[in-house]
Amino acid sequence: MRYPVALALTLLTETPVYAAALTRVGRVHPGRAAAAGVLVNLVTHPLLWWTLRHWTDGPAAAYWTGFALSETAVCAVEALLLCPVAGLRPRDPLPWIASGTANAVSLLAGTVAGLLLGG
């Protein structure tokens, strides 16, 4: 999958998750919640894409280890970035749950898209 397609898919799947979670549970204005979802992904997605590209030529075990560590880091960074943007504290569970859920949805969508597109 090419990078622009991957980024678009990520934004299309994660932004609604962040918007719903921050609006309904966190009482954040819908526009601000959606902007927060886009912002955190614009920070983390290029770094994740670049990092994972370095693991694709090695053994499968190295790729999956790098993938797991990278996704974990992305979830943590996105949760922490959500806090100031959404007016939350790092000890609040909402940014962590929203980040984990959004990234799981995105990962599932990317996996399905990859299977459907033959790659």
Protein backbone atom coordinates (compact mmCIF):
# COMPACT_ATOMS: atom_id res chain seq x y z
CA MET A 1 0.00 0.00 0.00
CA ARG A 2 1.35 3.43 -0.89
CA TYR A 3 1.85 5.97 1.87
CA PRO A 4 -0.89 8.47 0.85
CA VAL A 5 -3.44 5.64 0.76
CA ALA A 6 -2.28 4.33 4.14
CA LEU A 7 -2.47 7.79 5.69
CA ALA A 8 -5.93 8.41 4.22
CA LEU A 9 -7.17 5.06 5.51
CA THR A 10 -5.75 5.81 8.94
CA LEU A 11 -7.41 9.22 9.08
CA LEU A 12 -10.72 7.83 7.80
CA THR A 13 -10.80 5.12 10.44
CA GLU A 14 -9.18 6.74 13.47
CA THR A 15 -10.63 10.25 13.34
CA PRO A 16 -14.25 9.12 13.91
CA VAL A 17 -13.14 6.94 16.83
CA TYR A 18 -11.31 9.82 18.47
CA ALA A 19 -14.16 12.22 17.71
CA ALA A 20 -16.79 9.92 19.20
CA ALA A 21 -14.77 9.07 22.30
CA LEU A 22 -13.69 12.62 23.06
CA THR A 23 -17.10 14.12 22.32
CA ARG A 24 -19.30 11.63 24.15
CA VAL A 25 -17.13 10.66 27.06
CA GLY A 26 -14.71 13.56 27.32
CA ARG A 27 -17.22 16.33 26.58
CA VAL A 28 -14.88 17.88 24.01
CA HIS A 29 -16.41 20.00 21.23
CA PRO A 30 -16.88 17.78 18.12
CA GLY A 31 -14.71 19.96 15.88
CA ARG A 32 -11.91 20.01 18.40
CA ALA A 33 -12.21 16.26 18.95
CA ALA A 34 -11.96 15.53 15.21
CA ALA A 35 -9.04 17.93 14.86
CA ALA A 36 -7.29 16.17 17.75
CA GLY A 37 -7.70 12.83 15.97
CA VAL A 38 -6.21 14.22 12.77
CA LEU A 39 -3.39 16.02 14.57
CA VAL A 40 -2.14 13.03 16.55
CA ASN A 41 -2.09 10.93 13.39
CA LEU A 42 -0.22 13.55 11.38
CA VAL A 43 2.48 13.39 14.04
CA THR A 44 2.73 9.63 14.52
CA HIS A 45 1.82 8.11 11.16
CA PRO A 46 4.87 9.31 9.17
CA LEU A 47 7.18 8.14 11.95
CA LEU A 48 5.52 4.73 12.14
CA TRP A 49 5.62 4.32 8.35
CA TRP A 50 9.29 5.23 8.20
CA THR A 51 10.17 2.95 11.11
CA LEU A 52 8.33 -0.08 9.74
CA ARG A 53 9.93 0.32 6.31
CA HIS A 54 13.29 -0.49 7.88
CA TRP A 55 12.03 -3.84 9.16
CA THR A 56 10.44 -5.16 5.95
CA ASP A 57 13.63 -6.60 4.44
CA GLY A 58 14.63 -8.59 7.51
CA PRO A 59 13.31 -11.78 9.03
CA ALA A 60 9.60 -12.00 9.87
CA ALA A 61 10.30 -12.19 13.60
CA ALA A 62 12.21 -8.90 13.48
CA TYR A 63 9.38 -7.25 11.54
CA TRP A 64 6.66 -8.37 13.95
CA THR A 65 8.74 -7.40 16.97
CA GLY A 66 9.37 -3.96 15.46
CA PHE A 67 5.72 -3.70 14.51
CA ALA A 68 4.50 -4.51 18.03
CA LEU A 69 6.93 -2.09 19.66
CA SER A 70 6.15 0.65 17.13
CA GLU A 71 2.37 0.32 17.49
CA THR A 72 2.70 0.37 21.27
CA ALA A 73 4.78 3.54 21.07
CA VAL A 74 2.27 5.13 18.67
CA CYS A 75 -0.61 4.42 21.05
CA ALA A 76 1.29 5.96 23.94
CA VAL A 77 2.36 9.05 22.00
CA GLU A 78 -1.14 9.61 20.62
CA ALA A 79 -2.67 9.27 24.09
CA LEU A 80 -0.21 11.80 25.51
CA LEU A 81 -0.73 14.20 22.59
CA LEU A 82 -4.50 14.02 23.06
CA CYS A 83 -4.26 15.32 26.61
CA PRO A 84 -3.39 18.98 25.99
CA VAL A 85 -5.42 19.17 22.78
CA ALA A 86 -8.54 17.73 24.42
CA GLY A 87 -8.00 19.26 27.85
CA LEU A 88 -7.39 15.90 29.53
CA ARG A 89 -4.79 14.70 32.01
CA PRO A 90 -2.35 11.85 31.28
CA ARG A 91 -3.73 9.90 34.23
CA ASP A 92 -7.26 9.99 32.77
CA PRO A 93 -8.14 6.65 31.15
CA LEU A 94 -9.96 8.21 28.18
CA PRO A 95 -6.95 9.17 26.03
CA TRP A 96 -5.40 5.72 26.52
CA ILE A 97 -8.62 3.86 25.71
CA ALA A 98 -9.36 6.11 22.73
CA SER A 99 -5.83 5.69 21.36
CA GLY A 100 -5.84 1.92 21.75
CA THR A 101 -9.26 1.61 20.18
CA ALA A 102 -8.53 3.97 17.29
CA ASN A 103 -5.29 2.20 16.46
CA ALA A 104 -6.91 -1.24 16.67
CA VAL A 105 -9.63 -0.11 14.25
CA SER A 106 -7.01 1.33 11.92
CA LEU A 107 -4.88 -1.80 12.08
CA LEU A 108 -7.89 -3.97 11.25
CA ALA A 109 -8.89 -1.71 8.35
CA GLY A 110 -5.34 -1.72 7.01
CA THR A 111 -5.12 -5.49 7.26
CA VAL A 112 -8.42 -5.97 5.44
CA ALA A 113 -7.46 -3.42 2.78
CA GLY A 114 -4.11 -5.13 2.29
CA LEU A 115 -5.78 -8.52 1.86
CA LEU A 116 -8.33 -7.13 -0.57
CA LEU A 117 -5.69 -5.31 -2.59
CA GLY A 118 -3.47 -8.37 -2.69
CA GLY A 119 -0.59 -7.14 -0.63
